[in-house]
Amino acid sequence: MPLFETIPIDTDQVRQLARDHWNVELGECLKASQNHTFLATKKDTTERFVVRVTPDPDNKRTDCVELEVTLLEYLYENQLPVCRAVQSSITSSRFIRNDSLIICLFTYATGDPIVFTDWIWMTNREMVVGLGHWFARLHKLTRRFIEEQPVLAGHARHWTTLHSGVLAGVEVDERDKKIASDPNYFGIIHGDVNPSNYFWDSTLNMPSMFDWDQLQQSWFLYDLSAPIWCTIMLERAGSPIDRTAVPQANSELFTKWLLEGYESDEEGTIVDREALHRMVIIRRELYSRFCRQAVLELSPEHPMAEFCQFMTDFLNKDKSL
């Protein structure tokens, strides 16, 4: 399957379904790729929502989406800042299936959007420590969720199967293979925590997280590797936006602050730094394989083509990890 396969949808049909099930009006399309994502509002209010439409002609995603919306409700009930799915007024389900489409309505994130090129998401100690706190609470709650709902939790996709299986066969250290059956180290993670997938809620000193469609079974430290790798990339390659250097990027300091937040939980968690480094290497390999394949697939006009070429060029030269 192509990495960026986009299946067209009938927007008017989705608009009517959103009205019928949630009494919201469909707004602008934010993104159209494997999922189609729209802003939505309720009439005569300022309340905002996000509608996500997942084309699923082969009926392979229903179990994953059921897990996602159930887990989000569980996290929300346990005071973790997330964007939960809203129940349909017709079916009371947190997602609907209409022919080949799976449709969810999510609450809008609290707090303020992250401006990627302001860099404060990685230079403000309070924000980085808060992200570490958020990760620690997430992993504690998903461990508990797996204990309470093991059958449903089993629907989470394995980390090697995402993105058309680009990481299948990747080299994994024997030490990490051994703990892949230990629920203290391996479980359900967000999988794609980066500044484009959360707002910063200063009233909570934590992010409000969205975009959970890469929810997966993996090592908890692999979750932390996502924002760390983003900082490493900026530090070594510069900005993918305008190709300028980013002297503010300091991956060592960012990692120190992130782990300060992660290790400050009441359970006394201590992160194995060498294991975390190995997870960053796997994250690097994800970007390497994904972007190389994407460059072969995408037309130059595709919105992701330039970024994928930038990453491929960088990774072809950078051998530092």
Protein backbone atom coordinates (compact mmCIF):
# COMPACT_ATOMS: atom_id res chain seq x y z
CA MET A 1 0.00 0.00 0.00
CA PRO A 2 1.36 3.47 -0.82
CA LEU A 3 2.50 5.51 2.18
CA PHE A 4 0.34 8.47 1.20
CA GLU A 5 -2.67 6.75 -0.34
CA THR A 6 -5.56 9.21 -0.24
CA ILE A 7 -9.00 7.75 -0.90
CA PRO A 8 -11.51 10.43 -1.98
CA ILE A 9 -14.61 10.95 0.13
CA ASP A 10 -17.98 12.60 -0.45
CA THR A 11 -17.67 15.75 1.66
CA ASP A 12 -21.38 16.55 1.38
CA GLN A 13 -22.20 13.12 2.75
CA VAL A 14 -19.82 13.66 5.67
CA ARG A 15 -21.31 17.11 6.28
CA GLN A 16 -24.79 15.64 6.60
CA LEU A 17 -23.62 12.81 8.85
CA ALA A 18 -21.89 15.33 11.13
CA ARG A 19 -25.14 17.27 11.41
CA ASP A 20 -27.23 14.19 12.05
CA HIS A 21 -25.01 12.53 14.63
CA TRP A 22 -23.41 15.49 16.43
CA ASN A 23 -25.28 18.62 15.35
CA VAL A 24 -22.09 20.27 14.12
CA GLU A 25 -21.26 22.10 10.91
CA LEU A 26 -18.31 20.91 8.88
CA GLY A 27 -15.68 23.59 8.26
CA GLU A 28 -12.38 23.74 6.40
CA CYS A 29 -10.39 20.63 5.60
CA LEU A 30 -7.19 20.67 7.68
CA LYS A 31 -5.58 17.63 6.11
CA ALA A 32 -6.39 15.05 3.47
CA SER A 33 -4.21 11.94 3.47
CA GLN A 34 -5.02 8.50 4.87
CA ASN A 35 -7.48 10.40 7.06
CA HIS A 36 -9.51 13.47 6.10
CA THR A 37 -9.60 15.97 8.96
CA PHE A 38 -12.00 18.91 9.21
CA LEU A 39 -12.74 21.70 11.63
CA ALA A 40 -16.31 21.72 12.92
CA THR A 41 -18.46 24.08 14.96
CA LYS A 42 -21.83 24.07 16.70
CA LYS A 43 -24.34 26.61 15.48
CA ASP A 44 -24.63 29.78 17.58
CA THR A 45 -21.65 28.79 19.76
CA THR A 46 -17.89 29.35 19.70
CA GLU A 47 -17.23 25.70 20.53
CA ARG A 48 -14.88 23.97 18.08
CA PHE A 49 -14.38 20.33 17.22
CA VAL A 50 -12.41 18.17 14.80
CA VAL A 51 -14.05 15.65 12.49
CA ARG A 52 -11.83 12.79 11.32
CA VAL A 53 -12.92 10.63 8.42
CA THR A 54 -11.06 7.35 7.83
CA PRO A 55 -11.79 5.55 4.56
CA ASP A 56 -11.73 1.84 5.37
CA PRO A 57 -12.87 -0.11 2.29
CA ASP A 58 -11.30 -3.35 3.55
CA ASN A 59 -12.83 -3.06 7.04
CA LYS A 60 -9.47 -3.30 8.80
CA ARG A 61 -9.60 -0.26 11.08
CA THR A 62 -12.78 -0.65 13.11
CA ASP A 63 -11.15 -2.51 16.02
CA CYS A 64 -8.26 0.01 16.15
CA VAL A 65 -10.65 2.96 16.21
CA GLU A 66 -12.78 1.35 18.91
CA LEU A 67 -9.65 0.95 21.03
CA GLU A 68 -8.56 4.52 20.33
CA VAL A 69 -11.83 6.20 21.35
CA THR A 70 -12.26 3.96 24.41
CA LEU A 71 -8.71 4.63 25.57
CA LEU A 72 -9.12 8.38 25.05
CA GLU A 73 -12.21 8.38 27.24
CA TYR A 74 -10.31 6.41 29.89
CA LEU A 75 -7.42 8.89 29.79
CA TYR A 76 -9.80 11.84 29.96
CA GLU A 77 -11.62 10.37 32.95
CA ASN A 78 -8.24 10.02 34.65
CA GLN A 79 -7.41 13.71 34.12
CA LEU A 80 -4.86 13.36 31.32
CA PRO A 81 -5.24 16.25 28.83
CA VAL A 82 -6.42 14.60 25.61
CA CYS A 83 -9.01 15.29 22.91
CA ARG A 84 -11.73 12.71 23.56
CA ALA A 85 -14.23 11.44 21.02
CA VAL A 86 -17.83 12.67 21.34
CA GLN A 87 -20.74 10.24 21.41
CA SER A 88 -23.19 10.22 18.52
CA SER A 89 -26.63 11.47 19.55
CA ILE A 90 -28.15 8.68 17.45
CA THR A 91 -26.06 5.62 18.31
CA SER A 92 -24.30 6.76 21.53
CA SER A 93 -21.11 5.36 20.01
CA ARG A 94 -17.93 7.44 19.93
CA PHE A 95 -17.50 6.72 16.24
CA ILE A 96 -19.85 5.86 13.41
CA ARG A 97 -19.38 3.62 10.43
CA ASN A 98 -21.16 4.58 7.22
CA ASP A 99 -20.45 2.22 4.33
CA SER A 100 -16.64 2.32 4.05
CA LEU A 101 -16.14 5.42 6.21
CA ILE A 102 -15.29 5.60 9.91
CA ILE A 103 -16.14 9.03 11.31
CA CYS A 104 -15.21 10.48 14.70
CA LEU A 105 -15.86 13.85 16.28
CA PHE A 106 -13.14 14.96 18.69
CA THR A 107 -13.12 17.78 21.19
CA TYR A 108 -10.76 20.65 20.41
CA ALA A 109 -7.47 20.83 22.28
CA THR A 110 -7.25 23.14 25.27
CA GLY A 111 -4.52 25.74 25.61
CA ASP A 112 -2.56 27.40 22.83
CA PRO A 113 -1.25 26.02 19.54
CA ILE A 114 2.46 25.35 19.25
CA VAL A 115 4.23 27.54 16.70
CA PHE A 116 6.92 25.14 15.53
CA THR A 117 9.44 27.78 14.45
CA ASP A 118 9.16 29.75 17.70
CA TRP A 119 11.19 26.85 19.15
CA ILE A 120 9.88 27.46 22.69
CA TRP A 121 8.45 23.92 22.74
CA MET A 122 12.08 22.75 23.05
CA THR A 123 13.77 25.74 24.75
CA ASN A 124 11.27 26.44 27.54
CA ARG A 125 12.18 24.16 30.44
CA GLU A 126 8.68 24.26 31.94
CA MET A 127 7.13 23.07 28.67
CA VAL A 128 9.63 20.25 28.16
CA VAL A 129 9.36 19.05 31.76
CA GLY A 130 5.56 19.23 31.42
CA LEU A 131 5.74 17.05 28.34
CA GLY A 132 7.77 14.55 30.34
CA HIS A 133 5.09 14.60 33.08
CA TRP A 134 2.44 13.96 30.44
CA PHE A 135 4.34 10.97 29.03
CA ALA A 136 4.76 9.48 32.51
CA ARG A 137 1.04 9.74 33.26
CA LEU A 138 0.12 8.35 29.85
CA HIS A 139 2.27 5.25 30.24
CA LYS A 140 1.07 4.64 33.78
CA LEU A 141 -2.54 4.83 32.61
CA THR A 142 -2.08 2.68 29.51
CA ARG A 143 -0.42 -0.02 31.64
CA ARG A 144 -3.50 0.01 33.86
CA PHE A 145 -5.83 0.07 30.86
CA ILE A 146 -4.18 -3.05 29.42
CA GLU A 147 -4.69 -4.85 32.74
CA GLU A 148 -8.37 -3.86 32.85
CA GLN A 149 -9.24 -4.37 29.19
CA PRO A 150 -6.72 -6.85 27.73
CA VAL A 151 -8.88 -7.97 24.80
CA LEU A 152 -9.57 -4.46 23.58
CA ALA A 153 -5.96 -3.41 24.19
CA GLY A 154 -4.85 -6.31 22.01
CA HIS A 155 -6.28 -4.49 18.98
CA ALA A 156 -3.43 -1.96 19.07
CA ARG A 157 -1.24 -2.33 16.00
CA HIS A 158 2.30 -3.58 16.52
CA TRP A 159 4.94 -0.91 15.91
CA THR A 160 6.40 -2.80 12.94
CA THR A 161 3.10 -2.75 11.03
CA LEU A 162 2.49 1.00 10.82
CA HIS A 163 3.27 3.02 7.68
CA SER A 164 2.81 -0.02 5.45
CA GLY A 165 5.33 -1.94 7.54
CA VAL A 166 8.39 0.17 6.72
CA LEU A 167 10.03 -0.91 9.99
CA ALA A 168 9.47 -4.62 9.42
CA GLY A 169 12.78 -6.39 9.84
CA VAL A 170 14.55 -3.45 11.44
CA GLU A 171 17.42 -4.46 13.71
CA VAL A 172 16.45 -4.58 17.41
CA ASP A 173 18.95 -5.02 20.21
CA GLU A 174 18.63 -8.31 22.12
CA ARG A 175 18.12 -6.38 25.36
CA ASP A 176 15.07 -4.67 23.89
CA LYS A 177 13.70 -7.90 22.45
CA LYS A 178 13.79 -9.45 25.92
CA ILE A 179 11.69 -6.72 27.53
CA ALA A 180 9.12 -6.57 24.71
CA SER A 181 6.95 -8.98 26.73
CA ASP A 182 7.33 -7.01 29.97
CA PRO A 183 4.36 -4.67 30.61
CA ASN A 184 6.63 -2.38 32.62
CA TYR A 185 8.55 -1.49 29.47
CA PHE A 186 6.31 -2.31 26.52
CA GLY A 187 2.66 -1.38 26.03
CA ILE A 188 0.34 1.09 24.32
CA ILE A 189 1.89 4.41 23.28
CA HIS A 190 0.79 7.50 21.36
CA GLY A 191 3.55 6.93 18.83
CA ASP A 192 3.72 10.37 17.22
CA VAL A 193 4.22 13.01 19.91
CA ASN A 194 5.62 16.04 18.11
CA PRO A 195 4.84 19.78 18.33
CA SER A 196 2.23 19.57 15.57
CA ASN A 197 0.14 17.13 17.61
CA TYR A 198 -0.42 19.06 20.83
CA PHE A 199 -1.35 22.45 22.26
CA TRP A 200 0.28 23.79 25.41
CA ASP A 201 -2.14 24.25 28.32
CA SER A 202 -0.42 26.63 30.73
CA THR A 203 -3.18 26.17 33.32
CA LEU A 204 -2.15 22.51 33.64
CA ASN A 205 1.55 22.84 32.78
CA MET A 206 1.05 20.00 30.34
CA PRO A 207 0.25 19.52 26.67
CA SER A 208 -3.24 18.75 25.40
CA MET A 209 -2.62 15.88 23.00
CA PHE A 210 -4.44 14.97 19.79
CA ASP A 211 -3.90 12.96 16.58
CA TRP A 212 -3.85 9.43 18.00
CA ASP A 213 -4.10 7.51 14.76
CA GLN A 214 -0.56 6.13 15.23
CA LEU A 215 -1.47 4.56 18.58
CA GLN A 216 0.53 1.34 18.74
CA GLN A 217 2.12 -1.40 20.82
CA SER A 218 5.75 -0.55 21.43
CA TRP A 219 8.33 0.28 24.07
CA PHE A 220 7.39 3.23 26.26
CA LEU A 221 10.79 4.75 25.56
CA TYR A 222 10.04 4.65 21.84
CA ASP A 223 7.28 7.17 22.62
CA LEU A 224 9.85 9.54 24.13
CA SER A 225 12.11 9.13 21.11
CA ALA A 226 9.73 11.09 18.85
CA PRO A 227 10.26 14.61 20.27
CA ILE A 228 13.92 13.83 21.02
CA TRP A 229 14.53 12.88 17.40
CA CYS A 230 12.76 16.05 16.24
CA THR A 231 15.21 18.10 18.30
CA ILE A 232 18.20 16.13 17.02
CA MET A 233 17.06 16.70 13.44
CA LEU A 234 16.79 20.46 14.00
CA GLU A 235 20.16 20.52 15.75
CA ARG A 236 21.99 18.70 12.96
CA ALA A 237 20.03 19.48 9.79
CA GLY A 238 18.46 22.85 10.50
CA SER A 239 14.88 23.88 9.87
CA PRO A 240 12.96 21.85 7.28
CA ILE A 241 10.85 24.95 6.71
CA ASP A 242 13.50 27.34 5.38
CA ARG A 243 16.76 25.32 5.65
CA THR A 244 18.28 27.76 8.15
CA ALA A 245 20.35 26.66 11.14
CA VAL A 246 18.54 26.32 14.48
CA PRO A 247 21.10 27.22 17.15
CA GLN A 248 18.37 26.97 19.80
CA ALA A 249 18.17 23.20 19.27
CA ASN A 250 20.02 21.36 22.03
CA SER A 251 19.03 17.70 22.09
CA GLU A 252 21.09 16.91 25.19
CA LEU A 253 19.39 19.62 27.25
CA PHE A 254 15.96 18.80 25.80
CA THR A 255 16.40 15.14 26.75
CA LYS A 256 17.56 16.09 30.25
CA TRP A 257 14.45 18.20 30.83
CA LEU A 258 12.11 15.64 29.29
CA LEU A 259 13.46 12.90 31.55
CA GLU A 260 13.31 15.24 34.55
CA GLY A 261 9.55 15.35 34.02
CA TYR A 262 9.25 11.66 33.17
CA GLU A 263 11.22 10.47 36.19
CA SER A 264 9.47 12.73 38.70
CA ASP A 265 6.41 10.49 39.00
CA GLU A 266 5.58 8.97 42.35
CA GLU A 267 6.69 5.49 41.21
CA GLY A 268 10.34 6.53 41.10
CA THR A 269 10.85 5.68 37.43
CA ILE A 270 14.46 5.66 36.26
CA VAL A 271 15.04 5.69 32.51
CA ASP A 272 17.78 3.52 31.06
CA ARG A 273 19.66 6.10 28.98
CA GLU A 274 21.27 3.50 26.74
CA ALA A 275 17.89 1.93 25.99
CA LEU A 276 16.48 5.36 25.18
CA HIS A 277 19.35 5.96 22.78
CA ARG A 278 18.53 2.67 21.04
CA MET A 279 14.94 3.81 20.65
CA VAL A 280 16.11 7.07 19.07
CA ILE A 281 18.11 5.00 16.57
CA ILE A 282 14.94 3.07 15.65
CA ARG A 283 13.08 6.40 15.28
CA ARG A 284 15.83 7.60 12.97
CA GLU A 285 15.44 4.43 10.93
CA LEU A 286 11.69 5.08 10.68
CA TYR A 287 12.34 8.51 9.17
CA SER A 288 15.03 7.11 6.90
CA ARG A 289 12.95 4.29 5.46
CA PHE A 290 9.73 6.27 5.32
CA CYS A 291 11.20 9.31 3.59
CA ARG A 292 13.25 7.29 1.09
CA GLN A 293 10.16 5.36 0.06
CA ALA A 294 8.07 8.54 -0.02
CA VAL A 295 10.52 10.28 -2.34
CA LEU A 296 10.03 7.44 -4.82
CA GLU A 297 6.23 7.61 -4.53
CA LEU A 298 5.42 11.31 -4.39
CA SER A 299 5.15 13.84 -7.15
CA PRO A 300 7.21 17.02 -6.60
CA GLU A 301 3.98 18.96 -6.05
CA HIS A 302 2.86 16.85 -3.09
CA PRO A 303 2.96 18.85 0.20
CA MET A 304 5.17 16.22 1.85
CA ALA A 305 7.61 15.79 -1.04
CA GLU A 306 9.96 18.62 -0.08
CA PHE A 307 10.18 17.53 3.56
CA CYS A 308 10.85 13.91 2.64
CA GLN A 309 13.58 14.92 0.21
CA PHE A 310 15.10 17.19 2.89
CA MET A 311 15.15 14.33 5.41
CA THR A 312 16.55 11.86 2.88
CA ASP A 313 19.37 14.20 1.93
CA PHE A 314 20.19 14.84 5.60
CA LEU A 315 20.12 11.18 6.61
CA ASN A 316 22.28 10.17 3.67
CA LYS A 317 24.98 12.44 5.06
CA ASP A 318 24.47 12.16 8.83
CA LYS A 319 25.91 8.99 10.37
CA SER A 320 26.35 10.28 13.91
CA LEU A 321 23.93 8.05 15.84
